[in-house]
Amino acid sequence: AEKYIPYQLSEVVVDSYLIGDGQDERGKKITKGILAVCKKDAIRAVIEACREVEAPLAIIDAPPLALINAFQFNYPESINEVVGLLHVGHSACNLSILLKGEPVFTREISFGGADMTQAIMKSLSLSAEQAEKRKLTFDWGSDSDIRPMIEQAIGYLGQEIKLSFNYFENHVAGAEAPAKVYVSGATSQLDRFQQTLSEQLGTAVADWNPLAKIEIDPKVDANRIERLKPGLAVCVGLALR
């Protein structure tokens, strides 16, 4: 594994999962797998956070793999498509591409909802709480003071996704860019976020429901679940493990 990892093996935890048999470019039989690597410091931080709140820890997963797990569970018919999955998190975005149901490309983009909030704070001299509220209630038509910051952020994200698509097409045999990108995360619900990103990419961008095939207990507040749903994709994927 060492030749695929940009760190010393002593610094990381390595895990793997076999997907199944396939063929390489010459028709030779190969076994496909996923290699997952995480720095030990990051894992220790998760363990300590769970200890502080006295939460029993059963498994630690990588966000992109949890996201893929949730999507495949809820949308099994997507196996015949080239699918892009984008989760806009608080501090980073996770981008994955599925080819015939298999994850063939994953990348973390160092950009998240917090970066938008920070830009609004600096520009308008607001507190973090005020800036976050302005972001979450953003209206494209009336909030002209923060619209340039939102546009710039989405523009940056679009450029990074395009670079990823180009890399994917040039390095995976017979690959083509996804015809559709499915988005999740609370920031992806901002007014005109999906439409603006779609214009940047020249590709359809749409929501997906991480609870599409999951039965909700009647005791659970349905309205609260509906509000939280866009941000539950990674959580659902981890829970499904």
C-alpha atoms as a PDB file:
ATOM      1  CA  ALA A   1       0.000   0.000   0.000  1.00  0.00           C
ATOM      2  CA  GLU A   2       2.898   2.361   0.680  1.00  0.00           C
ATOM      3  CA  LYS A   3       3.369   3.493  -2.931  1.00  0.00           C
ATOM      4  CA  TYR A   4      -0.222   4.799  -3.010  1.00  0.00           C
ATOM      5  CA  ILE A   5       0.008   6.746   0.262  1.00  0.00           C
ATOM      6  CA  PRO A   6       1.601  10.220   0.562  1.00  0.00           C
ATOM      7  CA  TYR A   7       2.493   9.612   4.239  1.00  0.00           C
ATOM      8  CA  GLN A   8       4.681   7.296   6.272  1.00  0.00           C
ATOM      9  CA  LEU A   9       2.819   4.087   7.110  1.00  0.00           C
ATOM     10  CA  SER A  10       3.628   4.684  10.787  1.00  0.00           C
ATOM     11  CA  GLU A  11       1.502   7.878  10.669  1.00  0.00           C
ATOM     12  CA  VAL A  12      -1.684   6.314   9.323  1.00  0.00           C
ATOM     13  CA  VAL A  13      -4.283   3.606   9.781  1.00  0.00           C
ATOM     14  CA  VAL A  14      -4.918   1.579   6.624  1.00  0.00           C
ATOM     15  CA  ASP A  15      -8.003  -0.431   5.751  1.00  0.00           C
ATOM     16  CA  SER A  16      -9.327  -2.004   2.566  1.00  0.00           C
ATOM     17  CA  TYR A  17     -12.457  -3.522   1.082  1.00  0.00           C
ATOM     18  CA  LEU A  18     -12.699  -5.864  -1.898  1.00  0.00           C
ATOM     19  CA  ILE A  19     -15.326  -4.858  -4.474  1.00  0.00           C
ATOM     20  CA  GLY A  20     -15.100  -7.856  -6.800  1.00  0.00           C
ATOM     21  CA  ASP A  21     -13.447  -9.199  -9.917  1.00  0.00           C
ATOM     22  CA  GLY A  22     -12.925  -7.230 -13.114  1.00  0.00           C
ATOM     23  CA  GLN A  23     -10.564  -6.810 -16.062  1.00  0.00           C
ATOM     24  CA  ASP A  24      -7.753  -4.403 -16.799  1.00  0.00           C
ATOM     25  CA  GLU A  25      -7.126  -2.642 -20.143  1.00  0.00           C
ATOM     26  CA  ARG A  26      -5.526  -5.818 -21.578  1.00  0.00           C
ATOM     27  CA  GLY A  27      -8.405  -8.059 -20.545  1.00  0.00           C
ATOM     28  CA  LYS A  28      -6.448  -9.635 -17.692  1.00  0.00           C
ATOM     29  CA  LYS A  29      -8.508 -10.665 -14.660  1.00  0.00           C
ATOM     30  CA  ILE A  30      -7.987  -8.444 -11.623  1.00  0.00           C
ATOM     31  CA  THR A  31      -9.533  -8.010  -8.193  1.00  0.00           C
ATOM     32  CA  LYS A  32     -10.840  -4.517  -7.478  1.00  0.00           C
ATOM     33  CA  GLY A  33     -10.687  -2.952  -4.059  1.00  0.00           C
ATOM     34  CA  ILE A  34     -10.901   0.289  -2.121  1.00  0.00           C
ATOM     35  CA  LEU A  35      -7.933   1.471  -0.081  1.00  0.00           C
ATOM     36  CA  ALA A  36      -8.844   3.748   2.826  1.00  0.00           C
ATOM     37  CA  VAL A  37      -6.183   5.679   4.728  1.00  0.00           C
ATOM     38  CA  CYS A  38      -6.531   8.069   7.657  1.00  0.00           C
ATOM     39  CA  LYS A  39      -3.943   9.824   9.809  1.00  0.00           C
ATOM     40  CA  LYS A  40      -3.786   8.465  13.344  1.00  0.00           C
ATOM     41  CA  ASP A  41      -4.108  11.980  14.791  1.00  0.00           C
ATOM     42  CA  ALA A  42      -7.487  12.438  13.088  1.00  0.00           C
ATOM     43  CA  ILE A  43      -8.743   9.123  14.444  1.00  0.00           C
ATOM     44  CA  ARG A  44      -7.563   9.979  17.960  1.00  0.00           C
ATOM     45  CA  ALA A  45      -9.515  13.267  17.735  1.00  0.00           C
ATOM     46  CA  VAL A  46     -12.703  11.359  16.887  1.00  0.00           C
ATOM     47  CA  ILE A  47     -12.147   8.902  19.748  1.00  0.00           C
ATOM     48  CA  GLU A  48     -11.560  11.726  22.227  1.00  0.00           C
ATOM     49  CA  ALA A  49     -14.673  13.610  21.058  1.00  0.00           C
ATOM     50  CA  CYS A  50     -16.788  10.496  21.625  1.00  0.00           C
ATOM     51  CA  ARG A  51     -15.266   9.967  25.072  1.00  0.00           C
ATOM     52  CA  GLU A  52     -16.049  13.550  26.108  1.00  0.00           C
ATOM     53  CA  VAL A  53     -19.765  13.104  25.388  1.00  0.00           C
ATOM     54  CA  GLU A  54     -19.729   9.478  26.632  1.00  0.00           C
ATOM     55  CA  ALA A  55     -20.885   8.160  23.252  1.00  0.00           C
ATOM     56  CA  PRO A  56     -20.052   4.494  22.597  1.00  0.00           C
ATOM     57  CA  LEU A  57     -17.900   4.228  19.475  1.00  0.00           C
ATOM     58  CA  ALA A  58     -18.525   1.225  17.232  1.00  0.00           C
ATOM     59  CA  ILE A  59     -16.926   2.182  13.921  1.00  0.00           C
ATOM     60  CA  ILE A  60     -15.028   5.028  12.253  1.00  0.00           C
ATOM     61  CA  ASP A  61     -15.686   5.579   8.552  1.00  0.00           C
ATOM     62  CA  ALA A  62     -14.491   8.007   5.888  1.00  0.00           C
ATOM     63  CA  PRO A  63     -17.217  10.558   4.980  1.00  0.00           C
ATOM     64  CA  PRO A  64     -17.053   9.846   1.200  1.00  0.00           C
ATOM     65  CA  LEU A  65     -17.562   6.105   1.771  1.00  0.00           C
ATOM     66  CA  ALA A  66     -20.457   6.722   4.160  1.00  0.00           C
ATOM     67  CA  LEU A  67     -22.007   9.054   1.573  1.00  0.00           C
ATOM     68  CA  ILE A  68     -21.664   6.424  -1.178  1.00  0.00           C
ATOM     69  CA  ASN A  69     -23.156   3.788   1.123  1.00  0.00           C
ATOM     70  CA  ALA A  70     -26.243   5.919   1.792  1.00  0.00           C
ATOM     71  CA  PHE A  71     -26.728   6.770  -1.888  1.00  0.00           C
ATOM     72  CA  GLN A  72     -26.396   3.180  -3.109  1.00  0.00           C
ATOM     73  CA  PHE A  73     -28.835   1.965  -0.463  1.00  0.00           C
ATOM     74  CA  ASN A  74     -31.489   4.523  -1.402  1.00  0.00           C
ATOM     75  CA  TYR A  75     -30.898   4.613  -5.179  1.00  0.00           C
ATOM     76  CA  PRO A  76     -29.879   1.097  -6.295  1.00  0.00           C
ATOM     77  CA  GLU A  77     -31.101   1.848  -9.845  1.00  0.00           C
ATOM     78  CA  SER A  78     -28.229   4.324 -10.276  1.00  0.00           C
ATOM     79  CA  ILE A  79     -25.854   1.398 -10.892  1.00  0.00           C
ATOM     80  CA  ASN A  80     -26.278   1.892 -14.651  1.00  0.00           C
ATOM     81  CA  GLU A  81     -25.256   5.558 -14.557  1.00  0.00           C
ATOM     82  CA  VAL A  82     -22.060   7.558 -14.115  1.00  0.00           C
ATOM     83  CA  VAL A  83     -22.966   9.432 -10.953  1.00  0.00           C
ATOM     84  CA  GLY A  84     -21.323  12.381  -9.210  1.00  0.00           C
ATOM     85  CA  LEU A  85     -21.926  12.794  -5.473  1.00  0.00           C
ATOM     86  CA  LEU A  86     -21.125  16.101  -3.799  1.00  0.00           C
ATOM     87  CA  HIS A  87     -21.572  16.669  -0.083  1.00  0.00           C
ATOM     88  CA  VAL A  88     -21.051  20.280   0.992  1.00  0.00           C
ATOM     89  CA  GLY A  89     -19.976  19.995   4.606  1.00  0.00           C
ATOM     90  CA  HIS A  90     -19.091  22.582   7.210  1.00  0.00           C
ATOM     91  CA  SER A  91     -15.351  22.713   6.535  1.00  0.00           C
ATOM     92  CA  ALA A  92     -14.902  20.659   3.344  1.00  0.00           C
ATOM     93  CA  CYS A  93     -16.694  19.171   0.356  1.00  0.00           C
ATOM     94  CA  ASN A  94     -16.531  15.486  -0.512  1.00  0.00           C
ATOM     95  CA  LEU A  95     -16.756  14.635  -4.218  1.00  0.00           C
ATOM     96  CA  SER A  96     -17.120  11.048  -5.441  1.00  0.00           C
ATOM     97  CA  ILE A  97     -17.804   9.494  -8.832  1.00  0.00           C
ATOM     98  CA  LEU A  98     -19.539   6.117  -9.187  1.00  0.00           C
ATOM     99  CA  LEU A  99     -19.081   4.090 -12.366  1.00  0.00           C
ATOM    100  CA  LYS A 100     -21.475   1.147 -12.696  1.00  0.00           C
ATOM    101  CA  GLY A 101     -22.135   1.381  -8.984  1.00  0.00           C
ATOM    102  CA  GLU A 102     -18.452   1.281  -8.036  1.00  0.00           C
ATOM    103  CA  PRO A 103     -16.586   4.228  -6.488  1.00  0.00           C
ATOM    104  CA  VAL A 104     -13.760   5.048  -8.903  1.00  0.00           C
ATOM    105  CA  PHE A 105     -12.847   8.569  -7.825  1.00  0.00           C
ATOM    106  CA  THR A 106     -12.966  10.393  -4.504  1.00  0.00           C
ATOM    107  CA  ARG A 107     -11.623  13.791  -3.552  1.00  0.00           C
ATOM    108  CA  GLU A 108     -11.913  16.198  -0.644  1.00  0.00           C
ATOM    109  CA  ILE A 109     -12.141  19.865  -1.648  1.00  0.00           C
ATOM    110  CA  SER A 110     -10.949  22.293   1.023  1.00  0.00           C
ATOM    111  CA  PHE A 111     -14.055  24.432   0.955  1.00  0.00           C
ATOM    112  CA  GLY A 112     -17.247  24.312   3.001  1.00  0.00           C
ATOM    113  CA  GLY A 113     -20.166  26.243   4.391  1.00  0.00           C
ATOM    114  CA  ALA A 114     -17.919  27.789   7.038  1.00  0.00           C
ATOM    115  CA  ASP A 115     -15.887  29.525   4.325  1.00  0.00           C
ATOM    116  CA  MET A 116     -19.015  31.289   3.056  1.00  0.00           C
ATOM    117  CA  THR A 117     -19.885  32.341   6.590  1.00  0.00           C
ATOM    118  CA  GLN A 118     -16.351  33.660   7.143  1.00  0.00           C
ATOM    119  CA  ALA A 119     -16.482  35.708   3.931  1.00  0.00           C
ATOM    120  CA  ILE A 120     -19.802  37.283   4.981  1.00  0.00           C
ATOM    121  CA  MET A 121     -18.409  38.050   8.459  1.00  0.00           C
ATOM    122  CA  LYS A 122     -15.392  39.892   7.071  1.00  0.00           C
ATOM    123  CA  SER A 123     -17.251  41.784   4.364  1.00  0.00           C
ATOM    124  CA  LEU A 124     -20.124  43.022   6.510  1.00  0.00           C
ATOM    125  CA  SER A 125     -18.353  43.102   9.925  1.00  0.00           C
ATOM    126  CA  LEU A 126     -20.861  40.684  11.450  1.00  0.00           C
ATOM    127  CA  SER A 127     -20.526  38.164  14.256  1.00  0.00           C
ATOM    128  CA  ALA A 128     -20.264  34.471  13.342  1.00  0.00           C
ATOM    129  CA  GLU A 129     -23.853  33.904  14.466  1.00  0.00           C
ATOM    130  CA  GLN A 130     -25.178  36.851  12.438  1.00  0.00           C
ATOM    131  CA  ALA A 131     -23.238  35.829   9.327  1.00  0.00           C
ATOM    132  CA  GLU A 132     -24.454  32.228   9.570  1.00  0.00           C
ATOM    133  CA  LYS A 133     -28.057  33.416   9.846  1.00  0.00           C
ATOM    134  CA  ARG A 134     -27.645  35.688   6.806  1.00  0.00           C
ATOM    135  CA  LYS A 135     -26.212  32.771   4.833  1.00  0.00           C
ATOM    136  CA  LEU A 136     -28.952  30.302   5.749  1.00  0.00           C
ATOM    137  CA  THR A 137     -31.732  32.799   4.949  1.00  0.00           C
ATOM    138  CA  PHE A 138     -30.025  34.047   1.777  1.00  0.00           C
ATOM    139  CA  ASP A 139     -32.365  35.243  -0.995  1.00  0.00           C
ATOM    140  CA  TRP A 140     -30.770  35.608  -4.427  1.00  0.00           C
ATOM    141  CA  GLY A 141     -33.056  38.425  -5.509  1.00  0.00           C
ATOM    142  CA  SER A 142     -32.999  40.641  -2.419  1.00  0.00           C
ATOM    143  CA  ASP A 143     -29.689  39.958  -0.644  1.00  0.00           C
ATOM    144  CA  SER A 144     -27.477  41.814  -3.107  1.00  0.00           C
ATOM    145  CA  ASP A 145     -24.895  42.624  -0.403  1.00  0.00           C
ATOM    146  CA  ILE A 146     -23.861  38.988   0.088  1.00  0.00           C
ATOM    147  CA  ARG A 147     -24.757  37.591  -3.355  1.00  0.00           C
ATOM    148  CA  PRO A 148     -21.253  38.275  -4.816  1.00  0.00           C
ATOM    149  CA  MET A 149     -19.680  36.228  -2.021  1.00  0.00           C
ATOM    150  CA  ILE A 150     -22.073  33.324  -2.584  1.00  0.00           C
ATOM    151  CA  GLU A 151     -21.474  33.479  -6.350  1.00  0.00           C
ATOM    152  CA  GLN A 152     -17.710  33.564  -5.902  1.00  0.00           C
ATOM    153  CA  ALA A 153     -17.800  30.580  -3.551  1.00  0.00           C
ATOM    154  CA  ILE A 154     -19.944  28.503  -5.911  1.00  0.00           C
ATOM    155  CA  GLY A 155     -17.709  29.554  -8.797  1.00  0.00           C
ATOM    156  CA  TYR A 156     -14.623  28.284  -6.966  1.00  0.00           C
ATOM    157  CA  LEU A 157     -16.367  25.021  -6.151  1.00  0.00           C
ATOM    158  CA  GLY A 158     -17.440  24.596  -9.782  1.00  0.00           C
ATOM    159  CA  GLN A 159     -13.854  25.071 -11.004  1.00  0.00           C
ATOM    160  CA  GLU A 160     -12.546  22.453  -8.598  1.00  0.00           C
ATOM    161  CA  ILE A 161     -15.225  19.967  -9.647  1.00  0.00           C
ATOM    162  CA  LYS A 162     -14.408  20.537 -13.330  1.00  0.00           C
ATOM    163  CA  LEU A 163     -10.732  19.829 -12.634  1.00  0.00           C
ATOM    164  CA  SER A 164     -11.756  16.622 -10.888  1.00  0.00           C
ATOM    165  CA  PHE A 165     -13.960  15.554 -13.804  1.00  0.00           C
ATOM    166  CA  ASN A 166     -11.114  16.217 -16.260  1.00  0.00           C
ATOM    167  CA  TYR A 167      -8.719  14.156 -14.153  1.00  0.00           C
ATOM    168  CA  PHE A 168     -11.256  11.341 -13.936  1.00  0.00           C
ATOM    169  CA  GLU A 169     -11.821  11.265 -17.710  1.00  0.00           C
ATOM    170  CA  ASN A 170      -8.072  11.279 -18.429  1.00  0.00           C
ATOM    171  CA  HIS A 171      -7.094   8.591 -15.936  1.00  0.00           C
ATOM    172  CA  VAL A 172      -9.933   6.060 -15.996  1.00  0.00           C
ATOM    173  CA  ALA A 173     -10.259   3.930 -19.139  1.00  0.00           C
ATOM    174  CA  GLY A 174     -13.563   4.450 -20.953  1.00  0.00           C
ATOM    175  CA  ALA A 175     -14.707   7.038 -18.417  1.00  0.00           C
ATOM    176  CA  GLU A 176     -16.917  10.017 -19.119  1.00  0.00           C
ATOM    177  CA  ALA A 177     -17.921  12.885 -16.868  1.00  0.00           C
ATOM    178  CA  PRO A 178     -21.120  12.351 -14.846  1.00  0.00           C
ATOM    179  CA  ALA A 179     -24.264  13.499 -16.623  1.00  0.00           C
ATOM    180  CA  LYS A 180     -25.725  14.408 -13.229  1.00  0.00           C
ATOM    181  CA  VAL A 181     -24.330  15.504  -9.882  1.00  0.00           C
ATOM    182  CA  TYR A 182     -26.341  14.742  -6.748  1.00  0.00           C
ATOM    183  CA  VAL A 183     -25.764  17.170  -3.879  1.00  0.00           C
ATOM    184  CA  SER A 184     -26.295  17.015  -0.128  1.00  0.00           C
ATOM    185  CA  GLY A 185     -25.377  19.109   2.902  1.00  0.00           C
ATOM    186  CA  ALA A 186     -27.204  22.113   4.335  1.00  0.00           C
ATOM    187  CA  THR A 187     -25.243  24.633   2.246  1.00  0.00           C
ATOM    188  CA  SER A 188     -26.404  22.929  -0.961  1.00  0.00           C
ATOM    189  CA  GLN A 189     -29.920  24.156  -0.128  1.00  0.00           C
ATOM    190  CA  LEU A 190     -29.050  27.857  -0.404  1.00  0.00           C
ATOM    191  CA  ASP A 191     -31.199  29.809  -2.840  1.00  0.00           C
ATOM    192  CA  ARG A 192     -30.067  29.074  -6.456  1.00  0.00           C
ATOM    193  CA  PHE A 193     -27.046  27.086  -5.270  1.00  0.00           C
ATOM    194  CA  GLN A 194     -27.861  24.086  -7.443  1.00  0.00           C
ATOM    195  CA  GLN A 195     -28.879  26.155 -10.456  1.00  0.00           C
ATOM    196  CA  THR A 196     -25.702  28.259 -10.278  1.00  0.00           C
ATOM    197  CA  LEU A 197     -23.476  25.204  -9.859  1.00  0.00           C
ATOM    198  CA  SER A 198     -25.238  23.513 -12.779  1.00  0.00           C
ATOM    199  CA  GLU A 199     -24.497  26.535 -14.981  1.00  0.00           C
ATOM    200  CA  GLN A 200     -20.847  26.413 -13.892  1.00  0.00           C
ATOM    201  CA  LEU A 201     -20.496  22.714 -14.707  1.00  0.00           C
ATOM    202  CA  GLY A 202     -22.775  22.441 -17.735  1.00  0.00           C
ATOM    203  CA  THR A 203     -24.183  19.400 -15.919  1.00  0.00           C
ATOM    204  CA  ALA A 204     -27.497  18.723 -14.185  1.00  0.00           C
ATOM    205  CA  VAL A 205     -27.365  19.197 -10.408  1.00  0.00           C
ATOM    206  CA  ALA A 206     -30.085  17.836  -8.129  1.00  0.00           C
ATOM    207  CA  ASP A 207     -30.992  16.879  -4.559  1.00  0.00           C
ATOM    208  CA  TRP A 208     -31.278  13.319  -3.343  1.00  0.00           C
ATOM    209  CA  ASN A 209     -33.050  11.932  -0.316  1.00  0.00           C
ATOM    210  CA  PRO A 210     -30.859   9.971   2.137  1.00  0.00           C
ATOM    211  CA  LEU A 211     -34.042   8.662   3.785  1.00  0.00           C
ATOM    212  CA  ALA A 212     -35.827   7.582   0.575  1.00  0.00           C
ATOM    213  CA  LYS A 213     -35.926   3.881   1.537  1.00  0.00           C
ATOM    214  CA  ILE A 214     -35.779   4.267   5.302  1.00  0.00           C
ATOM    215  CA  GLU A 215     -38.920   4.027   7.407  1.00  0.00           C
ATOM    216  CA  ILE A 216     -39.292   6.853   9.909  1.00  0.00           C
ATOM    217  CA  ASP A 217     -40.693   5.944  13.315  1.00  0.00           C
ATOM    218  CA  PRO A 218     -44.034   7.757  13.923  1.00  0.00           C
ATOM    219  CA  LYS A 219     -42.641   9.009  17.242  1.00  0.00           C
ATOM    220  CA  VAL A 220     -40.005  11.052  15.415  1.00  0.00           C
ATOM    221  CA  ASP A 221     -40.820  14.701  14.623  1.00  0.00           C
ATOM    222  CA  ALA A 222     -41.400  14.561  10.843  1.00  0.00           C
ATOM    223  CA  ASN A 223     -40.985  18.324  10.408  1.00  0.00           C
ATOM    224  CA  ARG A 224     -37.607  18.268  12.148  1.00  0.00           C
ATOM    225  CA  ILE A 225     -36.446  15.348  10.002  1.00  0.00           C
ATOM    226  CA  GLU A 226     -37.511  17.247   6.868  1.00  0.00           C
ATOM    227  CA  ARG A 227     -35.460  20.279   7.941  1.00  0.00           C
ATOM    228  CA  LEU A 228     -32.402  18.203   8.781  1.00  0.00           C
ATOM    229  CA  LYS A 229     -32.635  15.816   5.809  1.00  0.00           C
ATOM    230  CA  PRO A 230     -30.116  17.551   3.477  1.00  0.00           C
ATOM    231  CA  GLY A 231     -27.407  17.213   6.133  1.00  0.00           C
ATOM    232  CA  LEU A 232     -28.110  13.601   7.095  1.00  0.00           C
ATOM    233  CA  ALA A 233     -26.475  11.833   4.133  1.00  0.00           C
ATOM    234  CA  VAL A 234     -23.160  11.019   5.830  1.00  0.00           C
ATOM    235  CA  CYS A 235     -24.896  10.124   9.111  1.00  0.00           C
ATOM    236  CA  VAL A 236     -27.251   7.706   7.345  1.00  0.00           C
ATOM    237  CA  GLY A 237     -24.401   6.070   5.454  1.00  0.00           C
ATOM    238  CA  LEU A 238     -22.494   5.468   8.687  1.00  0.00           C
ATOM    239  CA  ALA A 239     -25.590   4.159  10.485  1.00  0.00           C
ATOM    240  CA  LEU A 240     -26.215   1.679   7.640  1.00  0.00           C
ATOM    241  CA  ARG A 241     -22.861   0.017   8.347  1.00  0.00           C
END
